[in-house]
C-alpha atoms as a PDB file:
ATOM      1  CA  MET A   1     -86.644 250.407 132.210  1.00  0.00           C
ATOM      2  CA  ALA A   2     -87.081 248.047 129.366  1.00  0.00           C
ATOM      3  CA  PHE A   3     -84.230 247.646 126.805  1.00  0.00           C
ATOM      4  CA  ILE A   4     -86.513 249.090 124.055  1.00  0.00           C
ATOM      5  CA  GLU A   5     -89.510 251.259 124.725  1.00  0.00           C
ATOM      6  CA  PHE A   6     -91.979 252.900 122.507  1.00  0.00           C
ATOM      7  CA  ASN A   7     -94.088 255.291 124.469  1.00  0.00           C
ATOM      8  CA  HIS A   8     -97.197 256.653 122.436  1.00  0.00           C
ATOM      9  CA  VAL A   9     -95.054 256.729 119.301  1.00  0.00           C
ATOM     10  CA  GLY A  10     -96.446 258.104 116.037  1.00  0.00           C
ATOM     11  CA  PHE A  11     -94.546 258.953 112.768  1.00  0.00           C
ATOM     12  CA  ALA A  12     -95.876 261.284 109.879  1.00  0.00           C
ATOM     13  CA  TYR A  13     -94.016 261.929 106.762  1.00  0.00           C
ATOM     14  CA  PRO A  14     -93.407 265.372 105.563  1.00  0.00           C
ATOM     15  CA  ASN A  15     -96.203 265.211 103.150  1.00  0.00           C
ATOM     16  CA  GLY A  16     -98.429 264.721 106.158  1.00  0.00           C
ATOM     17  CA  PHE A  17     -98.956 260.795 105.710  1.00  0.00           C
ATOM     18  CA  SER A  18     -99.352 259.221 108.897  1.00  0.00           C
ATOM     19  CA  ALA A  19     -97.583 255.714 108.905  1.00  0.00           C
ATOM     20  CA  VAL A  20     -97.778 254.929 112.648  1.00  0.00           C
ATOM     21  CA  GLU A  21    -100.180 256.248 115.263  1.00  0.00           C
ATOM     22  CA  ASP A  22     -99.994 255.756 119.134  1.00  0.00           C
ATOM     23  CA  VAL A  23     -97.779 252.641 119.347  1.00  0.00           C
ATOM     24  CA  ASP A  24     -96.789 251.473 122.888  1.00  0.00           C
ATOM     25  CA  PHE A  25     -94.614 248.567 123.836  1.00  0.00           C
ATOM     26  CA  GLN A  26     -91.588 247.184 125.563  1.00  0.00           C
ATOM     27  CA  ILE A  27     -89.004 244.644 124.629  1.00  0.00           C
ATOM     28  CA  GLU A  28     -86.368 243.281 127.158  1.00  0.00           C
ATOM     29  CA  LYS A  29     -82.750 242.755 125.927  1.00  0.00           C
ATOM     30  CA  GLY A  30     -82.277 239.240 124.478  1.00  0.00           C
ATOM     31  CA  GLU A  31     -86.041 238.822 123.413  1.00  0.00           C
ATOM     32  CA  ASN A  32     -86.751 237.365 119.889  1.00  0.00           C
ATOM     33  CA  ILE A  33     -89.701 239.153 118.498  1.00  0.00           C
ATOM     34  CA  ALA A  34     -91.753 238.707 115.116  1.00  0.00           C
ATOM     35  CA  ILE A  35     -93.676 241.589 113.837  1.00  0.00           C
ATOM     36  CA  VAL A  36     -96.302 240.673 111.290  1.00  0.00           C
ATOM     37  CA  GLY A  37     -99.207 242.475 109.597  1.00  0.00           C
ATOM     38  CA  GLN A  38    -100.108 243.354 106.052  1.00  0.00           C
ATOM     39  CA  ASN A  39     -98.404 246.113 103.919  1.00  0.00           C
ATOM     40  CA  GLY A  40     -99.127 249.560 105.267  1.00  0.00           C
ATOM     41  CA  ALA A  41     -99.678 248.238 108.985  1.00  0.00           C
ATOM     42  CA  GLY A  42     -96.641 250.256 110.077  1.00  0.00           C
ATOM     43  CA  LYS A  43     -94.176 247.487 110.650  1.00  0.00           C
ATOM     44  CA  THR A  44     -91.113 248.854 108.518  1.00  0.00           C
ATOM     45  CA  THR A  45     -91.594 252.346 109.788  1.00  0.00           C
ATOM     46  CA  THR A  46     -91.656 251.156 113.379  1.00  0.00           C
ATOM     47  CA  VAL A  47     -88.402 249.173 113.220  1.00  0.00           C
ATOM     48  CA  LYS A  48     -86.692 252.048 111.335  1.00  0.00           C
ATOM     49  CA  MET A  49     -87.446 254.236 114.502  1.00  0.00           C
ATOM     50  CA  MET A  50     -85.319 251.683 116.546  1.00  0.00           C
ATOM     51  CA  ASN A  51     -82.014 252.469 114.787  1.00  0.00           C
ATOM     52  CA  GLY A  52     -82.567 256.237 114.062  1.00  0.00           C
ATOM     53  CA  LEU A  53     -83.451 255.832 110.408  1.00  0.00           C
ATOM     54  CA  LEU A  54     -86.580 257.552 111.355  1.00  0.00           C
ATOM     55  CA  LYS A  55     -87.265 259.833 114.282  1.00  0.00           C
ATOM     56  CA  PRO A  56     -90.578 259.764 116.126  1.00  0.00           C
ATOM     57  CA  THR A  57     -93.028 262.883 115.225  1.00  0.00           C
ATOM     58  CA  SER A  58     -94.775 262.030 118.345  1.00  0.00           C
ATOM     59  CA  GLY A  59     -94.042 259.925 121.475  1.00  0.00           C
ATOM     60  CA  THR A  60     -90.712 258.966 122.501  1.00  0.00           C
ATOM     61  CA  VAL A  61     -88.454 255.795 121.457  1.00  0.00           C
ATOM     62  CA  ILE A  62     -86.089 254.757 124.106  1.00  0.00           C
ATOM     63  CA  ILE A  63     -83.196 252.335 123.249  1.00  0.00           C
ATOM     64  CA  ASP A  64     -81.008 251.115 126.183  1.00  0.00           C
ATOM     65  CA  GLY A  65     -82.192 254.220 128.229  1.00  0.00           C
ATOM     66  CA  LYS A  66     -81.547 256.608 125.431  1.00  0.00           C
ATOM     67  CA  ASP A  67     -84.145 258.932 123.703  1.00  0.00           C
ATOM     68  CA  THR A  68     -83.307 258.229 119.833  1.00  0.00           C
ATOM     69  CA  ARG A  69     -84.203 261.874 119.176  1.00  0.00           C
ATOM     70  CA  ASN A  70     -81.112 262.956 120.825  1.00  0.00           C
ATOM     71  CA  PHE A  71     -78.700 260.736 118.814  1.00  0.00           C
ATOM     72  CA  THR A  72     -77.497 260.552 115.001  1.00  0.00           C
ATOM     73  CA  THR A  73     -78.368 257.487 113.012  1.00  0.00           C
ATOM     74  CA  ALA A  74     -74.626 256.627 112.982  1.00  0.00           C
ATOM     75  CA  ALA A  75     -74.434 256.611 116.776  1.00  0.00           C
ATOM     76  CA  LEU A  76     -77.623 254.382 116.998  1.00  0.00           C
ATOM     77  CA  SER A  77     -76.211 252.034 114.373  1.00  0.00           C
ATOM     78  CA  ARG A  78     -73.798 250.944 117.006  1.00  0.00           C
ATOM     79  CA  LYS A  79     -76.687 249.783 119.142  1.00  0.00           C
ATOM     80  CA  ALA A  80     -79.090 248.556 116.384  1.00  0.00           C
ATOM     81  CA  GLY A  81     -78.468 246.924 113.076  1.00  0.00           C
ATOM     82  CA  TYR A  82     -80.929 246.944 110.364  1.00  0.00           C
ATOM     83  CA  VAL A  83     -81.058 244.629 107.491  1.00  0.00           C
ATOM     84  CA  PHE A  84     -83.092 245.960 104.495  1.00  0.00           C
ATOM     85  CA  GLN A  85     -85.761 243.858 102.910  1.00  0.00           C
ATOM     86  CA  ASN A  86     -83.963 244.418  99.469  1.00  0.00           C
ATOM     87  CA  PRO A  87     -80.343 243.566  99.745  1.00  0.00           C
ATOM     88  CA  ASP A  88     -79.480 245.935  96.785  1.00  0.00           C
ATOM     89  CA  ASP A  89     -80.511 248.735  98.780  1.00  0.00           C
ATOM     90  CA  GLN A  90     -77.659 247.929 101.094  1.00  0.00           C
ATOM     91  CA  ILE A  91     -74.816 246.424  99.131  1.00  0.00           C
ATOM     92  CA  PHE A  92     -72.213 248.816  97.793  1.00  0.00           C
ATOM     93  CA  HIS A  93     -68.669 247.081  97.762  1.00  0.00           C
ATOM     94  CA  ASN A  94     -67.008 244.854  95.103  1.00  0.00           C
ATOM     95  CA  THR A  95     -66.549 241.650  97.243  1.00  0.00           C
ATOM     96  CA  VAL A  96     -68.501 239.974  99.785  1.00  0.00           C
ATOM     97  CA  ARG A  97     -65.527 240.312 102.259  1.00  0.00           C
ATOM     98  CA  GLN A  98     -65.484 244.027 101.754  1.00  0.00           C
ATOM     99  CA  GLU A  99     -69.149 244.314 102.470  1.00  0.00           C
ATOM    100  CA  ILE A 100     -68.799 242.404 105.445  1.00  0.00           C
ATOM    101  CA  GLU A 101     -65.845 243.838 107.010  1.00  0.00           C
ATOM    102  CA  PHE A 102     -66.991 247.410 106.290  1.00  0.00           C
ATOM    103  CA  GLY A 103     -69.292 247.663 109.418  1.00  0.00           C
ATOM    104  CA  PRO A 104     -66.953 246.708 112.007  1.00  0.00           C
ATOM    105  CA  HIS A 105     -64.184 248.682 110.331  1.00  0.00           C
ATOM    106  CA  VAL A 106     -66.238 251.943 110.344  1.00  0.00           C
ATOM    107  CA  LEU A 107     -67.110 251.101 114.084  1.00  0.00           C
ATOM    108  CA  GLY A 108     -63.534 251.400 114.919  1.00  0.00           C
ATOM    109  CA  TYR A 109     -62.558 247.789 115.740  1.00  0.00           C
ATOM    110  CA  ASP A 110     -59.003 246.770 115.359  1.00  0.00           C
ATOM    111  CA  LYS A 111     -57.608 244.756 112.306  1.00  0.00           C
ATOM    112  CA  GLU A 112     -57.645 241.497 114.284  1.00  0.00           C
ATOM    113  CA  LYS A 113     -61.374 242.079 115.592  1.00  0.00           C
ATOM    114  CA  VAL A 114     -62.475 243.262 112.099  1.00  0.00           C
ATOM    115  CA  LYS A 115     -61.224 239.787 110.789  1.00  0.00           C
ATOM    116  CA  GLU A 116     -62.778 237.725 113.726  1.00  0.00           C
ATOM    117  CA  LEU A 117     -66.057 239.307 113.179  1.00  0.00           C
ATOM    118  CA  THR A 118     -66.088 239.236 109.352  1.00  0.00           C
ATOM    119  CA  GLU A 119     -65.201 235.507 109.327  1.00  0.00           C
ATOM    120  CA  TYR A 120     -67.602 234.607 112.074  1.00  0.00           C
ATOM    121  CA  SER A 121     -70.276 236.350 110.400  1.00  0.00           C
ATOM    122  CA  ALA A 122     -69.509 234.745 107.005  1.00  0.00           C
ATOM    123  CA  LYS A 123     -69.421 231.323 108.522  1.00  0.00           C
ATOM    124  CA  LEU A 124     -72.777 231.821 110.323  1.00  0.00           C
ATOM    125  CA  ALA A 125     -74.653 233.004 107.214  1.00  0.00           C
ATOM    126  CA  GLY A 126     -72.821 230.081 104.807  1.00  0.00           C
ATOM    127  CA  LEU A 127     -70.858 232.642 102.862  1.00  0.00           C
ATOM    128  CA  SER A 128     -67.004 231.402 103.410  1.00  0.00           C
ATOM    129  CA  ASP A 129     -66.595 230.065 100.123  1.00  0.00           C
ATOM    130  CA  GLU A 130     -67.906 233.406  98.351  1.00  0.00           C
ATOM    131  CA  MET A 131     -65.760 235.941 100.187  1.00  0.00           C
ATOM    132  CA  GLU A 132     -64.113 237.198  97.114  1.00  0.00           C
ATOM    133  CA  GLU A 133     -67.140 237.150  94.728  1.00  0.00           C
ATOM    134  CA  ASN A 134     -68.752 240.291  93.726  1.00  0.00           C
ATOM    135  CA  PRO A 135     -71.955 240.306  95.615  1.00  0.00           C
ATOM    136  CA  TYR A 136     -73.943 241.064  92.241  1.00  0.00           C
ATOM    137  CA  ASN A 137     -72.705 237.871  90.831  1.00  0.00           C
ATOM    138  CA  LEU A 138     -74.526 235.946  93.445  1.00  0.00           C
ATOM    139  CA  PRO A 139     -78.350 235.137  93.263  1.00  0.00           C
ATOM    140  CA  LEU A 140     -80.772 237.472  95.392  1.00  0.00           C
ATOM    141  CA  SER A 141     -81.170 234.692  97.920  1.00  0.00           C
ATOM    142  CA  ILE A 142     -77.365 234.672  98.648  1.00  0.00           C
ATOM    143  CA  ARG A 143     -77.186 238.474  98.425  1.00  0.00           C
ATOM    144  CA  LYS A 144     -79.630 238.714 101.342  1.00  0.00           C
ATOM    145  CA  PHE A 145     -77.237 236.649 103.389  1.00  0.00           C
ATOM    146  CA  VAL A 146     -74.445 239.010 102.637  1.00  0.00           C
ATOM    147  CA  THR A 147     -76.591 241.882 104.008  1.00  0.00           C
ATOM    148  CA  ILE A 148     -77.336 239.847 107.158  1.00  0.00           C
ATOM    149  CA  ALA A 149     -73.695 239.039 107.754  1.00  0.00           C
ATOM    150  CA  SER A 150     -72.584 242.521 107.102  1.00  0.00           C
ATOM    151  CA  VAL A 151     -74.884 243.659 110.101  1.00  0.00           C
ATOM    152  CA  VAL A 152     -74.260 240.743 112.360  1.00  0.00           C
ATOM    153  CA  ALA A 153     -70.496 241.526 111.876  1.00  0.00           C
ATOM    154  CA  MET A 154     -71.077 245.056 113.507  1.00  0.00           C
ATOM    155  CA  ASP A 155     -72.003 243.061 116.855  1.00  0.00           C
ATOM    156  CA  THR A 156     -74.895 245.358 117.867  1.00  0.00           C
ATOM    157  CA  ASP A 157     -77.087 244.384 120.642  1.00  0.00           C
ATOM    158  CA  ILE A 158     -80.167 244.599 118.499  1.00  0.00           C
ATOM    159  CA  ILE A 159     -80.316 242.975 114.853  1.00  0.00           C
ATOM    160  CA  ILE A 160     -83.593 243.906 112.769  1.00  0.00           C
ATOM    161  CA  LEU A 161     -84.317 241.556 109.873  1.00  0.00           C
ATOM    162  CA  ASP A 162     -86.937 242.819 107.232  1.00  0.00           C
ATOM    163  CA  GLU A 163     -88.490 239.872 105.361  1.00  0.00           C
ATOM    164  CA  PRO A 164     -85.468 237.629 105.757  1.00  0.00           C
ATOM    165  CA  THR A 165     -87.190 234.632 104.098  1.00  0.00           C
ATOM    166  CA  ALA A 166     -88.417 236.420 101.026  1.00  0.00           C
ATOM    167  CA  GLY A 167     -86.912 234.505  98.062  1.00  0.00           C
ATOM    168  CA  GLN A 168     -85.419 231.794 100.151  1.00  0.00           C
ATOM    169  CA  ASP A 169     -85.647 228.141  99.558  1.00  0.00           C
ATOM    170  CA  ILE A 170     -85.780 225.534 102.400  1.00  0.00           C
ATOM    171  CA  ARG A 171     -81.847 225.529 102.861  1.00  0.00           C
ATOM    172  CA  GLY A 172     -81.941 229.299 103.078  1.00  0.00           C
ATOM    173  CA  ILE A 173     -84.752 229.300 105.594  1.00  0.00           C
ATOM    174  CA  ALA A 174     -82.929 226.460 107.647  1.00  0.00           C
ATOM    175  CA  THR A 175     -79.777 228.740 107.535  1.00  0.00           C
ATOM    176  CA  LEU A 176     -81.871 231.731 108.792  1.00  0.00           C
ATOM    177  CA  GLN A 177     -83.343 229.604 111.650  1.00  0.00           C
ATOM    178  CA  ASP A 178     -79.732 228.310 112.807  1.00  0.00           C
ATOM    179  CA  MET A 179     -78.526 232.074 112.588  1.00  0.00           C
ATOM    180  CA  ILE A 180     -81.489 233.287 114.922  1.00  0.00           C
ATOM    181  CA  ARG A 181     -80.949 230.395 117.286  1.00  0.00           C
ATOM    182  CA  GLU A 182     -77.280 231.147 117.599  1.00  0.00           C
ATOM    183  CA  LEU A 183     -77.590 234.951 117.790  1.00  0.00           C
ATOM    184  CA  LYS A 184     -80.429 234.516 120.518  1.00  0.00           C
ATOM    185  CA  GLN A 185     -77.826 232.311 122.576  1.00  0.00           C
ATOM    186  CA  LYS A 186     -75.283 234.943 122.338  1.00  0.00           C
ATOM    187  CA  GLY A 187     -77.898 237.319 123.975  1.00  0.00           C
ATOM    188  CA  LYS A 188     -78.736 239.353 121.090  1.00  0.00           C
ATOM    189  CA  THR A 189     -82.221 240.804 120.603  1.00  0.00           C
ATOM    190  CA  ILE A 190     -83.826 239.853 117.259  1.00  0.00           C
ATOM    191  CA  ILE A 191     -86.523 241.823 115.713  1.00  0.00           C
ATOM    192  CA  THR A 192     -88.022 240.234 112.561  1.00  0.00           C
ATOM    193  CA  ILE A 193     -90.673 241.589 110.167  1.00  0.00           C
ATOM    194  CA  THR A 194     -92.124 238.618 108.131  1.00  0.00           C
ATOM    195  CA  HIS A 195     -95.128 237.735 106.109  1.00  0.00           C
ATOM    196  CA  ASP A 196     -94.141 233.928 106.484  1.00  0.00           C
ATOM    197  CA  MET A 197     -96.343 232.538 109.068  1.00  0.00           C
ATOM    198  CA  GLU A 198     -94.571 229.108 109.018  1.00  0.00           C
ATOM    199  CA  PHE A 199     -91.515 231.141 109.840  1.00  0.00           C
ATOM    200  CA  VAL A 200     -93.072 232.605 112.787  1.00  0.00           C
ATOM    201  CA  VAL A 201     -94.583 229.239 114.281  1.00  0.00           C
ATOM    202  CA  ASN A 202     -91.187 227.714 113.901  1.00  0.00           C
ATOM    203  CA  ASN A 203     -89.084 230.408 115.440  1.00  0.00           C
ATOM    204  CA  PHE A 204     -90.736 232.960 117.670  1.00  0.00           C
ATOM    205  CA  ASP A 205     -92.214 232.679 121.146  1.00  0.00           C
ATOM    206  CA  LYS A 206     -93.605 236.520 120.985  1.00  0.00           C
ATOM    207  CA  VAL A 207     -95.274 238.064 118.182  1.00  0.00           C
ATOM    208  CA  PHE A 208     -96.433 241.753 117.720  1.00  0.00           C
ATOM    209  CA  VAL A 209     -99.496 241.968 115.470  1.00  0.00           C
ATOM    210  CA  MET A 210     -99.812 245.238 113.613  1.00  0.00           C
ATOM    211  CA  ALA A 211    -102.690 246.812 111.741  1.00  0.00           C
ATOM    212  CA  HIS A 212    -104.121 250.222 110.845  1.00  0.00           C
ATOM    213  CA  LYS A 213    -100.828 251.703 111.822  1.00  0.00           C
ATOM    214  CA  ASN A 214    -100.932 250.573 115.336  1.00  0.00           C
ATOM    215  CA  LEU A 215    -100.129 247.598 117.543  1.00  0.00           C
ATOM    216  CA  LEU A 216    -103.079 245.339 117.897  1.00  0.00           C
ATOM    217  CA  LYS A 217    -101.709 242.749 120.125  1.00  0.00           C
ATOM    218  CA  ILE A 218     -98.702 241.032 121.678  1.00  0.00           C
ATOM    219  CA  THR A 219     -98.991 237.530 122.222  1.00  0.00           C
ATOM    220  CA  ASN A 220     -97.411 233.945 121.308  1.00  0.00           C
ATOM    221  CA  PRO A 221     -98.030 232.087 117.906  1.00  0.00           C
ATOM    222  CA  LYS A 222    -100.838 229.842 119.266  1.00  0.00           C
ATOM    223  CA  GLU A 223    -102.916 232.680 120.310  1.00  0.00           C
ATOM    224  CA  VAL A 224    -102.493 234.415 117.181  1.00  0.00           C
ATOM    225  CA  PHE A 225    -103.375 231.678 114.983  1.00  0.00           C
ATOM    226  CA  SER A 226    -106.474 230.413 117.035  1.00  0.00           C
ATOM    227  CA  ASP A 227    -108.024 233.977 117.111  1.00  0.00           C
ATOM    228  CA  SER A 228    -109.946 234.368 114.172  1.00  0.00           C
ATOM    229  CA  ALA A 229    -111.075 237.860 114.884  1.00  0.00           C
ATOM    230  CA  LEU A 230    -107.382 238.931 115.209  1.00  0.00           C
ATOM    231  CA  LEU A 231    -106.481 237.338 112.039  1.00  0.00           C
ATOM    232  CA  ASP A 232    -109.368 238.961 110.076  1.00  0.00           C
ATOM    233  CA  GLU A 233    -108.612 242.388 111.466  1.00  0.00           C
ATOM    234  CA  SER A 234    -104.965 242.053 110.764  1.00  0.00           C
ATOM    235  CA  MET A 235    -105.746 240.302 107.344  1.00  0.00           C
ATOM    236  CA  LEU A 236    -103.158 237.619 108.359  1.00  0.00           C
ATOM    237  CA  LYS A 237    -103.305 234.133 107.034  1.00  0.00           C
ATOM    238  CA  ARG A 238    -103.009 231.011 109.081  1.00  0.00           C
ATOM    239  CA  PRO A 239    -100.048 228.586 108.650  1.00  0.00           C
ATOM    240  CA  TYR A 240    -100.888 225.906 106.244  1.00  0.00           C
ATOM    241  CA  ILE A 241    -100.931 223.473 109.077  1.00  0.00           C
ATOM    242  CA  SER A 242    -103.231 225.613 111.156  1.00  0.00           C
ATOM    243  CA  GLU A 243    -105.654 225.836 108.267  1.00  0.00           C
ATOM    244  CA  LEU A 244    -105.412 222.167 107.624  1.00  0.00           C
ATOM    245  CA  VAL A 245    -106.361 221.547 111.335  1.00  0.00           C
ATOM    246  CA  LEU A 246    -109.272 223.952 111.051  1.00  0.00           C
ATOM    247  CA  GLN A 247    -110.476 222.000 108.016  1.00  0.00           C
ATOM    248  CA  LEU A 248    -110.421 218.843 109.599  1.00  0.00           C
ATOM    249  CA  GLY A 249    -112.005 219.972 112.792  1.00  0.00           C
ATOM    250  CA  LEU A 250    -108.864 219.235 114.937  1.00  0.00           C
ATOM    251  CA  PRO A 251    -108.049 221.273 118.141  1.00  0.00           C
ATOM    252  CA  LYS A 252    -107.138 224.922 117.092  1.00  0.00           C
ATOM    253  CA  ASN A 253    -103.913 225.054 119.128  1.00  0.00           C
ATOM    254  CA  ILE A 254    -102.024 222.713 116.731  1.00  0.00           C
ATOM    255  CA  ILE A 255     -99.885 225.042 114.586  1.00  0.00           C
ATOM    256  CA  SER A 256     -97.010 223.055 113.468  1.00  0.00           C
ATOM    257  CA  ARG A 257     -96.280 219.822 111.639  1.00  0.00           C
ATOM    258  CA  LYS A 258     -94.699 218.259 114.966  1.00  0.00           C
ATOM    259  CA  GLU A 259     -97.721 218.995 116.931  1.00  0.00           C
ATOM    260  CA  LEU A 260    -100.074 217.566 114.328  1.00  0.00           C
ATOM    261  CA  VAL A 261     -98.071 214.364 114.126  1.00  0.00           C
ATOM    262  CA  ASP A 262     -97.876 214.059 117.877  1.00  0.00           C
ATOM    263  CA  TYR A 263    -101.659 214.344 117.890  1.00  0.00           C
ATOM    264  CA  ILE A 264    -102.334 212.008 115.288  1.00  0.00           C
ATOM    265  CA  CYS A 265     -99.876 209.380 116.984  1.00  0.00           C
ATOM    266  CA  ALA A 266    -100.982 209.911 120.365  1.00  0.00           C
ATOM    267  CA  PRO A 267    -102.470 206.785 121.999  1.00  0.00           C
ATOM    268  CA  VAL A 268    -106.229 206.794 122.267  1.00  0.00           C
END
């Protein structure tokens, strides 16, 4: 049995609006997954069913052998941590330290463990110098790292990031990349919703492409960005390097700056 299983999952809101229809996939523990697709494709609804914020109205969601419909959101939050797209929907403490330490404290860790997880997560997110600041005195890009650190501090097996690069500069994106790399090395399962195709190319080996409230394809970045029909159906843009390569008539499988430089510099 896979670590995460969606078996013909659908979700409809009480008003009858169907957000996800017959989604079927498996994710193994420790995988690093990007979920891409336009607004309305069903991405956020799908990941919210992984930690119990939403429960499927059809099919089953299995997390580490447990049917999510049989467990509360609080119980599932010990297994899957979710970082909201908008940090202001998540932050409610007066200092960065209080915000980060809240999760592990609620989970019942002892004082030393709470301190260890809080300091580790703050350092990983580059927040060690902002611990006594009110989060709302910090810019939006830094507040996003506060919410990421607060979920990392819970030490869950699954970490879900919803549009983490939105509003980030080059330095922030580099910090995110370092965080994902380290968390993956620690065996965490990372699931990231993103519209940032450069971020997908540089950080993920497996991509879930969603459209029409369903999952179109599970593949790798090279196949995604060389498949014009898939890009058109899912309304995705190519990364700028991939678009440049296409315009220059170079091989379609070049999708990163390094690959382009290697191709140009290769001996004839």
